Protein backbone atom coordinates (compact mmCIF):
# COMPACT_ATOMS: atom_id res chain seq x y z
CA UNK A 1 0.00 0.00 0.00
CA UNK A 2 1.58 3.27 -1.11
CA UNK A 3 1.19 6.48 0.85
CA UNK A 4 2.53 9.86 -0.25
CA UNK A 5 2.72 12.99 1.82
CA UNK A 6 3.18 16.17 -0.19
CA UNK A 7 4.01 18.29 1.68
CA UNK A 8 5.42 16.09 4.41
CA UNK A 9 3.85 16.78 7.80
CA UNK A 10 5.65 15.02 10.67
CA UNK A 11 2.57 15.30 12.92
CA UNK A 12 0.37 13.65 10.29
CA UNK A 13 2.93 10.86 9.78
CA UNK A 14 3.29 10.27 13.53
CA UNK A 15 -0.49 10.16 13.97
CA UNK A 16 -0.82 7.62 11.15
CA UNK A 17 1.84 5.37 12.71
CA UNK A 18 0.15 5.58 16.13
CA UNK A 19 -3.15 4.55 14.57
CA UNK A 20 -1.56 1.70 12.60
CA UNK A 21 0.23 0.51 15.76
CA UNK A 22 -3.11 0.49 17.60
CA UNK A 23 -4.78 -1.54 14.84
CA UNK A 24 -1.97 -3.86 13.73
CA UNK A 25 0.64 -3.73 16.51
CA UNK A 26 4.24 -2.65 16.07
CA UNK A 27 6.10 -3.48 12.84
CA UNK A 28 6.83 -7.21 12.82
CA UNK A 29 6.25 -10.20 10.59
CA UNK A 30 2.64 -9.03 10.28
CA UNK A 31 3.47 -5.71 8.66
CA UNK A 32 6.27 -3.25 7.92
CA UNK A 33 6.88 0.03 6.13
CA UNK A 34 9.80 1.45 4.19
CA UNK A 35 10.68 4.38 1.97
CA UNK A 36 9.45 3.92 -1.60
CA UNK A 37 12.71 3.00 -3.35
CA UNK A 38 11.27 3.61 -6.81
CA UNK A 39 10.52 7.21 -5.85
CA UNK A 40 14.03 7.61 -4.41
CA UNK A 41 15.55 6.21 -7.60
CA UNK A 42 13.50 8.56 -9.78
CA UNK A 43 14.61 11.53 -7.68
CA UNK A 44 18.27 10.54 -7.93
CA UNK A 45 18.05 10.11 -11.70
CA UNK A 46 16.25 13.44 -12.24
CA UNK A 47 18.83 15.98 -13.53
CA UNK A 48 16.65 18.83 -12.26
CA UNK A 49 16.68 17.53 -8.69
CA UNK A 50 20.40 18.01 -8.03
CA UNK A 51 20.16 16.83 -4.42
CA UNK A 52 17.88 19.64 -3.29
CA UNK A 53 15.74 18.55 -0.36
CA UNK A 54 12.05 18.17 -1.16
CA UNK A 55 9.22 18.24 1.32
CA UNK A 56 7.76 14.88 0.35
CA UNK A 57 7.52 11.50 2.03
CA UNK A 58 6.75 8.41 -0.05
CA UNK A 59 6.38 5.15 1.85
CA UNK A 60 5.18 1.63 1.17
CA UNK A 61 3.33 -0.45 3.74
CA UNK A 62 3.69 -4.23 3.42
CA UNK A 63 1.33 -6.73 5.01
CA UNK A 64 1.73 -10.48 5.38
CA UNK A 65 -2.01 -11.12 5.20
CA UNK A 66 -4.07 -9.76 2.33
CA UNK A 67 -6.95 -9.08 4.73
CA UNK A 68 -4.72 -6.70 6.74
CA UNK A 69 -3.77 -4.85 3.55
CA UNK A 70 -7.44 -4.52 2.59
CA UNK A 71 -8.35 -3.24 6.06
CA UNK A 72 -5.47 -0.75 5.96
CA UNK A 73 -6.54 0.45 2.52
CA UNK A 74 -10.13 0.93 3.63
CA UNK A 75 -9.29 2.65 6.90
CA UNK A 76 -6.37 4.85 5.85
PDB file of N, CA and C in Angstrom:
ATOM      1  N   UNK A   1       0.846  -1.160   0.000  1.00  0.00           N
ATOM      2  CA  UNK A   1       0.000   0.000   0.000  1.00  0.00           C
ATOM      3  C   UNK A   1       0.902   1.236   0.000  1.00  0.00           C
ATOM      4  N   UNK A   2       0.769   2.068  -0.998  1.00  0.00           N
ATOM      5  CA  UNK A   2       1.584   3.272  -1.111  1.00  0.00           C
ATOM      6  C   UNK A   2       0.893   4.435  -0.419  1.00  0.00           C
ATOM      7  N   UNK A   3       1.693   5.241   0.256  1.00  0.00           N
ATOM      8  CA  UNK A   3       1.194   6.480   0.849  1.00  0.00           C
ATOM      9  C   UNK A   3       2.201   7.574   0.535  1.00  0.00           C
ATOM     10  N   UNK A   4       1.681   8.722   0.092  1.00  0.00           N
ATOM     11  CA  UNK A   4       2.533   9.855  -0.254  1.00  0.00           C
ATOM     12  C   UNK A   4       2.059  11.077   0.520  1.00  0.00           C
ATOM     13  N   UNK A   5       3.009  11.770   1.085  1.00  0.00           N
ATOM     14  CA  UNK A   5       2.719  12.993   1.820  1.00  0.00           C
ATOM     15  C   UNK A   5       3.431  14.143   1.123  1.00  0.00           C
ATOM     16  N   UNK A   6       2.649  15.008   0.510  1.00  0.00           N
ATOM     17  CA  UNK A   6       3.185  16.170  -0.186  1.00  0.00           C
ATOM     18  C   UNK A   6       2.307  17.357   0.174  1.00  0.00           C
ATOM     19  N   UNK A   7       2.723  18.259   0.998  1.00  0.00           N
ATOM     20  CA  UNK A   7       4.013  18.285   1.680  1.00  0.00           C
ATOM     21  C   UNK A   7       4.024  17.331   2.864  1.00  0.00           C
ATOM     22  N   UNK A   8       5.221  16.964   3.255  1.00  0.00           N
ATOM     23  CA  UNK A   8       5.417  16.091   4.411  1.00  0.00           C
ATOM     24  C   UNK A   8       5.051  16.847   5.687  1.00  0.00           C
ATOM     25  N   UNK A   9       4.234  16.214   6.505  1.00  0.00           N
ATOM     26  CA  UNK A   9       3.849  16.782   7.797  1.00  0.00           C
ATOM     27  C   UNK A   9       4.202  15.754   8.865  1.00  0.00           C
ATOM     28  N   UNK A  10       5.223  16.022   9.688  1.00  0.00           N
ATOM     29  CA  UNK A  10       5.645  15.025  10.670  1.00  0.00           C
ATOM     30  C   UNK A  10       4.540  14.665  11.663  1.00  0.00           C
ATOM     31  N   UNK A  11       3.670  15.619  11.993  1.00  0.00           N
ATOM     32  CA  UNK A  11       2.569  15.304  12.918  1.00  0.00           C
ATOM     33  C   UNK A  11       1.578  14.330  12.272  1.00  0.00           C
ATOM     34  N   UNK A  12       1.281  14.543  11.009  1.00  0.00           N
ATOM     35  CA  UNK A  12       0.366  13.651  10.286  1.00  0.00           C
ATOM     36  C   UNK A  12       0.959  12.240  10.189  1.00  0.00           C
ATOM     37  N   UNK A  13       2.249  12.144   9.887  1.00  0.00           N
ATOM     38  CA  UNK A  13       2.927  10.856   9.779  1.00  0.00           C
ATOM     39  C   UNK A  13       2.930  10.139  11.127  1.00  0.00           C
ATOM     40  N   UNK A  14       3.260  10.860  12.199  1.00  0.00           N
ATOM     41  CA  UNK A  14       3.291  10.271  13.533  1.00  0.00           C
ATOM     42  C   UNK A  14       1.906   9.784  13.933  1.00  0.00           C
ATOM     43  N   UNK A  15       0.885  10.558  13.640  1.00  0.00           N
ATOM     44  CA  UNK A  15      -0.488  10.163  13.971  1.00  0.00           C
ATOM     45  C   UNK A  15      -0.881   8.898  13.208  1.00  0.00           C
ATOM     46  N   UNK A  16      -0.514   8.824  11.921  1.00  0.00           N
ATOM     47  CA  UNK A  16      -0.824   7.616  11.151  1.00  0.00           C
ATOM     48  C   UNK A  16      -0.150   6.397  11.779  1.00  0.00           C
ATOM     49  N   UNK A  17       1.139   6.519  12.110  1.00  0.00           N
ATOM     50  CA  UNK A  17       1.838   5.375  12.707  1.00  0.00           C
ATOM     51  C   UNK A  17       1.214   4.962  14.033  1.00  0.00           C
ATOM     52  N   UNK A  18       0.810   5.910  14.857  1.00  0.00           N
ATOM     53  CA  UNK A  18       0.153   5.581  16.125  1.00  0.00           C
ATOM     54  C   UNK A  18      -1.135   4.805  15.882  1.00  0.00           C
ATOM     55  N   UNK A  19      -1.904   5.238  14.886  1.00  0.00           N
ATOM     56  CA  UNK A  19      -3.155   4.546  14.566  1.00  0.00           C
ATOM     57  C   UNK A  19      -2.893   3.143  14.029  1.00  0.00           C
ATOM     58  N   UNK A  20      -1.895   3.021  13.155  1.00  0.00           N
ATOM     59  CA  UNK A  20      -1.558   1.698  12.601  1.00  0.00           C
ATOM     60  C   UNK A  20      -1.050   0.781  13.709  1.00  0.00           C
ATOM     61  N   UNK A  21      -0.249   1.306  14.629  1.00  0.00           N
ATOM     62  CA  UNK A  21       0.231   0.506  15.763  1.00  0.00           C
ATOM     63  C   UNK A  21      -0.939   0.028  16.607  1.00  0.00           C
ATOM     64  N   UNK A  22      -1.940   0.880  16.814  1.00  0.00           N
ATOM     65  CA  UNK A  22      -3.108   0.488  17.601  1.00  0.00           C
ATOM     66  C   UNK A  22      -3.897  -0.623  16.909  1.00  0.00           C
ATOM     67  N   UNK A  23      -3.991  -0.558  15.590  1.00  0.00           N
ATOM     68  CA  UNK A  23      -4.783  -1.545  14.840  1.00  0.00           C
ATOM     69  C   UNK A  23      -4.027  -2.827  14.513  1.00  0.00           C
ATOM     70  N   UNK A  24      -2.728  -2.711  14.226  1.00  0.00           N
ATOM     71  CA  UNK A  24      -1.972  -3.864  13.728  1.00  0.00           C
ATOM     72  C   UNK A  24      -0.773  -4.232  14.594  1.00  0.00           C
ATOM     73  N   UNK A  25      -0.524  -3.483  15.675  1.00  0.00           N
ATOM     74  CA  UNK A  25       0.644  -3.726  16.506  1.00  0.00           C
ATOM     75  C   UNK A  25       1.869  -3.041  15.914  1.00  0.00           C
ATOM     76  N   UNK A  26       2.983  -3.235  16.549  1.00  0.00           N
ATOM     77  CA  UNK A  26       4.242  -2.654  16.073  1.00  0.00           C
ATOM     78  C   UNK A  26       4.708  -3.403  14.822  1.00  0.00           C
ATOM     79  N   UNK A  27       5.572  -2.769  14.011  1.00  0.00           N
ATOM     80  CA  UNK A  27       6.099  -3.479  12.842  1.00  0.00           C
ATOM     81  C   UNK A  27       6.718  -4.821  13.252  1.00  0.00           C
ATOM     82  N   UNK A  28       6.395  -5.843  12.502  1.00  0.00           N
ATOM     83  CA  UNK A  28       6.828  -7.209  12.821  1.00  0.00           C
ATOM     84  C   UNK A  28       6.697  -8.049  11.558  1.00  0.00           C
ATOM     85  N   UNK A  29       6.526  -9.338  11.747  1.00  0.00           N
ATOM     86  CA  UNK A  29       6.253 -10.201  10.586  1.00  0.00           C
ATOM     87  C   UNK A  29       4.906  -9.886   9.974  1.00  0.00           C
ATOM     88  N   UNK A  30       3.989  -9.331  10.774  1.00  0.00           N
ATOM     89  CA  UNK A  30       2.639  -9.035  10.285  1.00  0.00           C
ATOM     90  C   UNK A  30       2.631  -7.879   9.288  1.00  0.00           C
ATOM     91  N   UNK A  31       3.436  -6.852   9.556  1.00  0.00           N
ATOM     92  CA  UNK A  31       3.465  -5.707   8.655  1.00  0.00           C
ATOM     93  C   UNK A  31       4.765  -4.932   8.843  1.00  0.00           C
ATOM     94  N   UNK A  32       5.081  -4.106   7.865  1.00  0.00           N
ATOM     95  CA  UNK A  32       6.266  -3.254   7.922  1.00  0.00           C
ATOM     96  C   UNK A  32       6.073  -2.099   6.948  1.00  0.00           C
ATOM     97  N   UNK A  33       6.896  -1.074   7.085  1.00  0.00           N
ATOM     98  CA  UNK A  33       6.880   0.029   6.133  1.00  0.00           C
ATOM     99  C   UNK A  33       8.314   0.371   5.770  1.00  0.00           C
ATOM    100  N   UNK A  34       8.476   0.977   4.611  1.00  0.00           N
ATOM    101  CA  UNK A  34       9.800   1.449   4.190  1.00  0.00           C
ATOM    102  C   UNK A  34       9.620   2.567   3.164  1.00  0.00           C
ATOM    103  N   UNK A  35      10.691   3.314   2.973  1.00  0.00           N
ATOM    104  CA  UNK A  35      10.677   4.376   1.970  1.00  0.00           C
ATOM    105  C   UNK A  35      10.482   3.745   0.595  1.00  0.00           C
ATOM    106  N   UNK A  36       9.706   4.397  -0.241  1.00  0.00           N
ATOM    107  CA  UNK A  36       9.454   3.922  -1.605  1.00  0.00           C
ATOM    108  C   UNK A  36      10.744   4.068  -2.418  1.00  0.00           C
ATOM    109  N   UNK A  37      11.424   2.961  -2.658  1.00  0.00           N
ATOM    110  CA  UNK A  37      12.713   3.000  -3.354  1.00  0.00           C
ATOM    111  C   UNK A  37      12.591   3.436  -4.807  1.00  0.00           C
ATOM    112  N   UNK A  38      11.462   3.154  -5.431  1.00  0.00           N
ATOM    113  CA  UNK A  38      11.270   3.605  -6.814  1.00  0.00           C
ATOM    114  C   UNK A  38      11.236   5.130  -6.871  1.00  0.00           C
ATOM    115  N   UNK A  39      10.566   5.748  -5.908  1.00  0.00           N
ATOM    116  CA  UNK A  39      10.518   7.210  -5.846  1.00  0.00           C
ATOM    117  C   UNK A  39      11.917   7.765  -5.610  1.00  0.00           C
ATOM    118  N   UNK A  40      12.658   7.172  -4.673  1.00  0.00           N
ATOM    119  CA  UNK A  40      14.027   7.609  -4.411  1.00  0.00           C
ATOM    120  C   UNK A  40      14.888   7.518  -5.673  1.00  0.00           C
ATOM    121  N   UNK A  41      14.760   6.410  -6.383  1.00  0.00           N
ATOM    122  CA  UNK A  41      15.550   6.207  -7.604  1.00  0.00           C
ATOM    123  C   UNK A  41      15.210   7.265  -8.650  1.00  0.00           C
ATOM    124  N   UNK A  42      13.917   7.540  -8.814  1.00  0.00           N
ATOM    125  CA  UNK A  42      13.503   8.564  -9.780  1.00  0.00           C
ATOM    126  C   UNK A  42      14.075   9.926  -9.411  1.00  0.00           C
ATOM    127  N   UNK A  43      14.063  10.249  -8.132  1.00  0.00           N
ATOM    128  CA  UNK A  43      14.608  11.528  -7.683  1.00  0.00           C
ATOM    129  C   UNK A  43      16.105  11.609  -7.972  1.00  0.00           C
ATOM    130  N   UNK A  44      16.828  10.537  -7.717  1.00  0.00           N
ATOM    131  CA  UNK A  44      18.274  10.537  -7.925  1.00  0.00           C
ATOM    132  C   UNK A  44      18.630  10.639  -9.404  1.00  0.00           C
ATOM    133  N   UNK A  45      17.776  10.100 -10.271  1.00  0.00           N
ATOM    134  CA  UNK A  45      18.047  10.111 -11.705  1.00  0.00           C
ATOM    135  C   UNK A  45      17.561  11.387 -12.385  1.00  0.00           C
ATOM    136  N   UNK A  46      16.801  12.207 -11.675  1.00  0.00           N
ATOM    137  CA  UNK A  46      16.252  13.437 -12.242  1.00  0.00           C
ATOM    138  C   UNK A  46      17.334  14.520 -12.269  1.00  0.00           C
ATOM    139  N   UNK A  47      17.763  14.966 -13.464  1.00  0.00           N
ATOM    140  CA  UNK A  47      18.831  15.975 -13.533  1.00  0.00           C
ATOM    141  C   UNK A  47      18.415  17.316 -12.935  1.00  0.00           C
ATOM    142  N   UNK A  48      17.130  17.572 -12.847  1.00  0.00           N
ATOM    143  CA  UNK A  48      16.652  18.828 -12.263  1.00  0.00           C
ATOM    144  C   UNK A  48      16.691  18.804 -10.736  1.00  0.00           C
ATOM    145  N   UNK A  49      16.734  17.631 -10.153  1.00  0.00           N
ATOM    146  CA  UNK A  49      16.678  17.525  -8.688  1.00  0.00           C
ATOM    147  C   UNK A  49      17.952  18.052  -8.042  1.00  0.00           C
ATOM    148  N   UNK A  50      19.083  17.560  -8.485  1.00  0.00           N
ATOM    149  CA  UNK A  50      20.403  18.009  -8.033  1.00  0.00           C
ATOM    150  C   UNK A  50      20.584  17.954  -6.519  1.00  0.00           C
ATOM    151  N   UNK A  51      19.953  17.023  -5.856  1.00  0.00           N
ATOM    152  CA  UNK A  51      20.162  16.834  -4.425  1.00  0.00           C
ATOM    153  C   UNK A  51      19.464  17.829  -3.522  1.00  0.00           C
ATOM    154  N   UNK A  52      18.610  18.661  -4.092  1.00  0.00           N
ATOM    155  CA  UNK A  52      17.881  19.641  -3.290  1.00  0.00           C
ATOM    156  C   UNK A  52      16.807  18.907  -2.498  1.00  0.00           C
ATOM    157  N   UNK A  53      16.738  19.208  -1.213  1.00  0.00           N
ATOM    158  CA  UNK A  53      15.740  18.555  -0.357  1.00  0.00           C
ATOM    159  C   UNK A  53      14.334  18.919  -0.814  1.00  0.00           C
ATOM    160  N   UNK A  54      13.455  17.938  -0.821  1.00  0.00           N
ATOM    161  CA  UNK A  54      12.055  18.166  -1.164  1.00  0.00           C
ATOM    162  C   UNK A  54      11.209  17.808   0.046  1.00  0.00           C
ATOM    163  N   UNK A  55      10.103  18.464   0.180  1.00  0.00           N
ATOM    164  CA  UNK A  55       9.224  18.245   1.316  1.00  0.00           C
ATOM    165  C   UNK A  55       8.166  17.203   0.953  1.00  0.00           C
ATOM    166  N   UNK A  56       8.639  15.987   0.702  1.00  0.00           N
ATOM    167  CA  UNK A  56       7.763  14.877   0.346  1.00  0.00           C
ATOM    168  C   UNK A  56       8.188  13.648   1.126  1.00  0.00           C
ATOM    169  N   UNK A  57       7.259  12.739   1.309  1.00  0.00           N
ATOM    170  CA  UNK A  57       7.523  11.496   2.028  1.00  0.00           C
ATOM    171  C   UNK A  57       6.726  10.416   1.334  1.00  0.00           C
ATOM    172  N   UNK A  58       7.401   9.498   0.673  1.00  0.00           N
ATOM    173  CA  UNK A  58       6.747   8.411  -0.051  1.00  0.00           C
ATOM    174  C   UNK A  58       7.124   7.107   0.634  1.00  0.00           C
ATOM    175  N   UNK A  59       6.135   6.403   1.138  1.00  0.00           N
ATOM    176  CA  UNK A  59       6.384   5.150   1.852  1.00  0.00           C
ATOM    177  C   UNK A  59       5.507   4.041   1.300  1.00  0.00           C
ATOM    178  N   UNK A  60       5.936   2.815   1.566  1.00  0.00           N
ATOM    179  CA  UNK A  60       5.178   1.628   1.166  1.00  0.00           C
ATOM    180  C   UNK A  60       4.931   0.812   2.433  1.00  0.00           C
ATOM    181  N   UNK A  61       3.686   0.437   2.640  1.00  0.00           N
ATOM    182  CA  UNK A  61       3.326  -0.447   3.738  1.00  0.00           C
ATOM    183  C   UNK A  61       3.157  -1.853   3.168  1.00  0.00           C
ATOM    184  N   UNK A  62       3.793  -2.820   3.818  1.00  0.00           N
ATOM    185  CA  UNK A  62       3.695  -4.225   3.415  1.00  0.00           C
ATOM    186  C   UNK A  62       2.962  -5.003   4.494  1.00  0.00           C
ATOM    187  N   UNK A  63       2.087  -5.909   4.075  1.00  0.00           N
ATOM    188  CA  UNK A  63       1.330  -6.733   5.010  1.00  0.00           C
ATOM    189  C   UNK A  63       1.467  -8.197   4.619  1.00  0.00           C
ATOM    190  N   UNK A  64       1.616  -9.044   5.623  1.00  0.00           N
ATOM    191  CA  UNK A  64       1.735 -10.477   5.379  1.00  0.00           C
ATOM    192  C   UNK A  64       0.400 -11.051   4.904  1.00  0.00           C
ATOM    193  N   UNK A  65      -0.674 -10.616   5.551  1.00  0.00           N
ATOM    194  CA  UNK A  65      -2.012 -11.120   5.198  1.00  0.00           C
ATOM    195  C   UNK A  65      -2.737 -10.123   4.296  1.00  0.00           C
ATOM    196  N   UNK A  66      -3.330 -10.621   3.247  1.00  0.00           N
ATOM    197  CA  UNK A  66      -4.071  -9.760   2.328  1.00  0.00           C
ATOM    198  C   UNK A  66      -5.206  -9.039   3.045  1.00  0.00           C
ATOM    199  N   UNK A  67      -5.834  -9.700   4.001  1.00  0.00           N
ATOM    200  CA  UNK A  67      -6.945  -9.079   4.735  1.00  0.00           C
ATOM    201  C   UNK A  67      -6.481  -7.845   5.504  1.00  0.00           C
ATOM    202  N   UNK A  68      -5.256  -7.876   6.055  1.00  0.00           N
ATOM    203  CA  UNK A  68      -4.724  -6.702   6.742  1.00  0.00           C
ATOM    204  C   UNK A  68      -4.496  -5.561   5.759  1.00  0.00           C
ATOM    205  N   UNK A  69      -4.008  -5.878   4.575  1.00  0.00           N
ATOM    206  CA  UNK A  69      -3.770  -4.850   3.552  1.00  0.00           C
ATOM    207  C   UNK A  69      -5.094  -4.224   3.127  1.00  0.00           C
ATOM    208  N   UNK A  70      -6.116  -5.044   2.969  1.00  0.00           N
ATOM    209  CA  UNK A  70      -7.440  -4.520   2.588  1.00  0.00           C
ATOM    210  C   UNK A  70      -7.976  -3.611   3.690  1.00  0.00           C
ATOM    211  N   UNK A  71      -7.871  -4.048   4.942  1.00  0.00           N
ATOM    212  CA  UNK A  71      -8.352  -3.242   6.057  1.00  0.00           C
ATOM    213  C   UNK A  71      -7.592  -1.914   6.137  1.00  0.00           C
ATOM    214  N   UNK A  72      -6.289  -1.967   5.947  1.00  0.00           N
ATOM    215  CA  UNK A  72      -5.470  -0.746   5.956  1.00  0.00           C
ATOM    216  C   UNK A  72      -5.936   0.191   4.839  1.00  0.00           C
ATOM    217  N   UNK A  73      -6.111  -0.349   3.645  1.00  0.00           N
ATOM    218  CA  UNK A  73      -6.536   0.453   2.515  1.00  0.00           C
ATOM    219  C   UNK A  73      -7.902   1.099   2.727  1.00  0.00           C
ATOM    220  N   UNK A  74      -8.801   0.381   3.369  1.00  0.00           N
ATOM    221  CA  UNK A  74     -10.126   0.928   3.632  1.00  0.00           C
ATOM    222  C   UNK A  74     -10.098   1.982   4.736  1.00  0.00           C
ATOM    223  N   UNK A  75      -9.294   1.747   5.734  1.00  0.00           N
ATOM    224  CA  UNK A  75      -9.290   2.649   6.896  1.00  0.00           C
ATOM    225  C   UNK A  75      -8.430   3.885   6.688  1.00  0.00           C
ATOM    226  N   UNK A  76      -7.309   3.736   5.978  1.00  0.00           N
ATOM    227  CA  UNK A  76      -6.370   4.849   5.849  1.00  0.00           C
ATOM    228  C   UNK A  76      -6.261   5.293   4.408  1.00  0.00           C
TER     229      UNK A  76
END
